[in-house]
């Protein structure tokens, strides 16, 4: 009943264009929201497991397995969303391996390096070990960048709360409805300021 309720609601409001527009907009917004949350979950699992995957590959190769066998054994130990994240490993030995169609942007460097390492066919385990060390260093700098980003978000949230309180106070004390142009201009300037803060904050990165 719960799963079919959206269909019944659609039939009920299909004659009311404004409501239908809002309904469709909410559905699209929900899909975008869940897609965003799903990607965040994938990224979190990736950050927690990507070094362990390299460790697994190194152990299998040093045990005498071929590259393909090492990859297969490593993949066989994965569970849940790890199978989705590391699915590109199944075809990483192919010469036509396409990075741009198999994973999210934030994973492309990882699989690109693995593809280059396996493609070289020279001292694979040593190259994987060096790659893992490089990722550890990169992760430390990314953690610092993430900390700065969180601070920017916190400051932006405080700014929004302060603006909201000042707006509410001004609304009741100054009768802002008679100065609609001023309200729109003020809101536009505030949103532009918040946008600039996030835009400049997104460019802050710790260099390796």
Protein backbone atom coordinates (compact mmCIF):
# COMPACT_ATOMS: atom_id res chain seq x y z
CA UNK A 1 0.00 0.00 0.00
CA UNK A 2 2.83 2.41 0.88
CA UNK A 3 4.65 1.68 -2.38
CA UNK A 4 1.53 2.30 -4.50
CA UNK A 5 0.39 5.45 -2.65
CA UNK A 6 2.43 7.82 -4.90
CA UNK A 7 0.56 6.46 -7.94
CA UNK A 8 -2.85 7.00 -6.30
CA UNK A 9 -1.84 10.51 -5.24
CA UNK A 10 -0.75 11.26 -8.82
CA UNK A 11 -4.17 10.18 -10.14
CA UNK A 12 -5.84 12.40 -7.53
CA UNK A 13 -3.93 15.60 -8.43
CA UNK A 14 -3.42 15.13 -12.17
CA UNK A 15 -6.21 17.60 -12.89
CA UNK A 16 -4.55 20.29 -10.74
CA UNK A 17 -1.53 21.52 -12.67
CA UNK A 18 0.14 23.55 -9.85
CA UNK A 19 -0.10 20.63 -7.43
CA UNK A 20 1.09 18.23 -10.12
CA UNK A 21 4.10 20.43 -10.82
CA UNK A 22 5.01 20.57 -7.14
CA UNK A 23 4.50 16.80 -6.81
CA UNK A 24 6.78 16.02 -9.75
CA UNK A 25 9.34 18.50 -8.43
CA UNK A 26 9.33 16.79 -5.03
CA UNK A 27 9.85 13.39 -6.64
CA UNK A 28 12.78 14.65 -8.71
CA UNK A 29 14.27 16.39 -5.67
CA UNK A 30 13.92 13.17 -3.68
CA UNK A 31 15.71 11.18 -6.38
CA UNK A 32 18.55 13.71 -6.46
CA UNK A 33 18.75 13.68 -2.66
CA UNK A 34 18.90 9.89 -2.38
CA UNK A 35 21.44 9.74 -5.20
CA UNK A 36 23.58 12.27 -3.32
CA UNK A 37 23.29 10.31 -0.05
CA UNK A 38 24.09 7.05 -1.86
CA UNK A 39 27.26 8.55 -3.35
CA UNK A 40 28.31 9.81 0.08
CA UNK A 41 27.91 6.27 1.44
CA UNK A 42 29.97 4.83 -1.40
CA UNK A 43 32.71 7.39 -0.86
CA UNK A 44 32.80 6.69 2.87
CA UNK A 45 33.18 2.94 2.30
CA UNK A 46 35.84 3.60 -0.34
CA UNK A 47 37.92 5.79 1.98
CA UNK A 48 37.75 3.14 4.71
CA UNK A 49 38.73 0.22 2.48
CA UNK A 50 40.88 1.39 -0.46
CA UNK A 51 44.18 0.84 1.35
CA UNK A 52 43.09 -2.62 2.55
CA UNK A 53 42.27 -3.57 -1.05
CA UNK A 54 45.83 -2.70 -2.08
CA UNK A 55 47.16 -4.73 0.87
CA UNK A 56 45.09 -7.67 -0.33
CA UNK A 57 46.47 -7.38 -3.86
CA UNK A 58 50.03 -7.20 -2.54
CA UNK A 59 49.58 -10.31 -0.38
CA UNK A 60 48.07 -12.31 -3.24
CA UNK A 61 50.80 -11.34 -5.68
CA UNK A 62 53.58 -12.05 -3.18
CA UNK A 63 51.98 -15.44 -2.55
CA UNK A 64 52.68 -16.27 -6.19
CA UNK A 65 49.29 -15.65 -7.77
CA UNK A 66 48.97 -14.09 -11.22
CA UNK A 67 47.57 -10.59 -11.51
CA UNK A 68 44.15 -11.86 -12.58
CA UNK A 69 44.04 -14.45 -9.80
CA UNK A 70 45.15 -11.86 -7.22
CA UNK A 71 42.35 -9.53 -8.31
CA UNK A 72 39.77 -12.33 -8.30
CA UNK A 73 40.77 -13.44 -4.81
CA UNK A 74 40.64 -9.88 -3.52
CA UNK A 75 37.21 -9.29 -5.04
CA UNK A 76 35.88 -12.57 -3.59
CA UNK A 77 36.46 -11.25 -0.07
CA UNK A 78 34.34 -8.15 -0.58
CA UNK A 79 30.80 -7.72 0.70
CA UNK A 80 27.93 -5.30 0.20
CA UNK A 81 28.63 -2.03 -1.58
CA UNK A 82 32.34 -2.90 -1.82
CA UNK A 83 31.41 -5.11 -4.79
CA UNK A 84 29.94 -2.04 -6.51
CA UNK A 85 32.83 0.26 -5.68
CA UNK A 86 35.58 -2.11 -6.75
CA UNK A 87 33.71 -3.64 -9.68
CA UNK A 88 36.12 -1.92 -12.15
CA UNK A 89 38.89 -4.22 -10.90
CA UNK A 90 37.27 -7.02 -12.87
CA UNK A 91 38.26 -5.39 -16.15
CA UNK A 92 41.27 -3.35 -15.05
CA UNK A 93 43.70 -5.65 -16.91
CA UNK A 94 42.00 -5.02 -20.24
CA UNK A 95 43.77 -2.70 -22.67
CA UNK A 96 40.51 -0.84 -23.38
CA UNK A 97 39.77 -0.21 -19.71
CA UNK A 98 37.63 2.95 -19.62
CA UNK A 99 37.91 4.95 -16.41
CA UNK A 100 35.24 7.53 -17.21
CA UNK A 101 32.34 5.11 -17.58
CA UNK A 102 33.05 2.73 -14.71
CA UNK A 103 33.28 4.85 -11.56
CA UNK A 104 32.76 8.19 -9.88
CA UNK A 105 35.15 11.06 -10.48
CA UNK A 106 36.69 10.77 -7.01
CA UNK A 107 37.70 7.14 -7.73
CA UNK A 108 39.28 7.66 -11.14
CA UNK A 109 42.79 8.44 -9.90
CA UNK A 110 42.77 5.28 -7.80
CA UNK A 111 41.79 2.96 -10.63
CA UNK A 112 43.91 4.85 -13.14
CA UNK A 113 47.02 4.22 -11.04
CA UNK A 114 46.12 0.56 -10.52
CA UNK A 115 45.58 0.15 -14.24
CA UNK A 116 48.99 1.70 -14.98
CA UNK A 117 50.70 -0.49 -12.39
CA UNK A 118 49.22 -3.75 -13.68
CA UNK A 119 49.78 -2.68 -17.26
CA UNK A 120 53.53 -2.20 -16.61
CA UNK A 121 53.89 -5.86 -15.52
CA UNK A 122 57.13 -4.95 -13.71
CA UNK A 123 57.61 -5.30 -9.93
CA UNK A 124 53.88 -5.10 -9.36
CA UNK A 125 53.96 -5.64 -5.59
CA UNK A 126 56.64 -2.96 -5.10
CA UNK A 127 54.68 -0.47 -7.18
CA UNK A 128 51.52 -1.22 -5.22
CA UNK A 129 53.40 -0.67 -1.98
CA UNK A 130 54.67 2.71 -3.17
CA UNK A 131 51.19 3.64 -4.36
CA UNK A 132 49.77 2.78 -0.93
CA UNK A 133 52.36 4.99 0.78
CA UNK A 134 51.49 7.85 -1.55
CA UNK A 135 47.79 7.43 -0.77
CA UNK A 136 48.48 7.59 2.96
CA UNK A 137 50.25 10.91 2.52
CA UNK A 138 47.46 12.16 0.27
CA UNK A 139 44.83 11.11 2.80
CA UNK A 140 46.50 13.17 5.54
CA UNK A 141 46.38 16.29 3.39
CA UNK A 142 42.81 15.57 2.32
CA UNK A 143 41.85 15.28 5.99
CA UNK A 144 43.27 18.77 6.60
CA UNK A 145 41.36 20.13 3.61
CA UNK A 146 38.18 18.49 4.87
CA UNK A 147 38.69 20.11 8.27
CA UNK A 148 38.94 23.55 6.66
CA UNK A 149 35.79 22.84 4.63
CA UNK A 150 33.87 21.86 7.76
CA UNK A 151 34.93 25.10 9.43
CA UNK A 152 33.70 27.09 6.42
CA UNK A 153 30.35 25.28 6.51
CA UNK A 154 30.01 25.96 10.23
CA UNK A 155 30.72 29.66 9.69
CA UNK A 156 28.21 29.78 6.84
CA UNK A 157 25.58 28.14 9.06
CA UNK A 158 26.19 30.70 11.80
CA UNK A 159 25.89 33.49 9.21
CA UNK A 160 22.56 32.06 8.02
CA UNK A 161 21.23 31.89 11.58
CA UNK A 162 22.33 35.46 12.32
CA UNK A 163 20.81 36.70 9.06
CA UNK A 164 17.59 34.85 9.82
CA UNK A 165 17.33 36.38 13.30
CA UNK A 166 18.07 39.88 12.01
CA UNK A 167 15.55 39.43 9.20
CA UNK A 168 12.86 38.23 11.61
CA UNK A 169 13.51 41.14 13.97
CA UNK A 170 13.47 43.64 11.12
CA UNK A 171 10.28 42.10 9.69
CA UNK A 172 8.34 42.73 12.86
CA UNK A 173 9.94 46.06 13.80
CA UNK A 174 10.32 47.80 10.43
CA UNK A 175 7.36 46.45 8.42
CA UNK A 176 9.53 45.08 5.60
CA UNK A 177 6.56 44.07 3.47
CA UNK A 178 6.34 47.70 2.37
CA UNK A 179 9.96 47.54 1.17
CA UNK A 180 9.89 44.34 -0.86
CA UNK A 181 12.67 45.56 -3.17
CA UNK A 182 14.97 46.07 -0.21
CA UNK A 183 14.21 42.56 1.07
CA UNK A 184 14.94 40.97 -2.30
CA UNK A 185 18.15 42.99 -2.70
CA UNK A 186 19.29 42.06 0.81
CA UNK A 187 18.55 38.37 0.30
CA UNK A 188 20.33 38.37 -3.08
CA UNK A 189 23.45 39.96 -1.58
CA UNK A 190 23.44 37.46 1.28
CA UNK A 191 23.11 34.46 -1.06
CA UNK A 192 25.87 35.83 -3.29
CA UNK A 193 28.09 36.19 -0.22
CA UNK A 194 27.41 32.61 0.88
CA UNK A 195 28.11 31.38 -2.65
CA UNK A 196 31.43 33.25 -2.74
CA UNK A 197 32.41 31.79 0.65
CA UNK A 198 31.83 28.22 -0.56
CA UNK A 199 33.42 28.93 -3.93
CA UNK A 200 36.61 30.28 -2.38
CA UNK A 201 36.55 27.64 0.34
CA UNK A 202 36.33 24.87 -2.24
CA UNK A 203 39.60 26.08 -3.75
CA UNK A 204 41.48 25.69 -0.48
CA UNK A 205 43.60 22.55 -0.73
CA UNK A 206 46.69 21.36 1.06
CA UNK A 207 49.44 20.67 -1.42
CA UNK A 208 51.42 17.46 -1.19
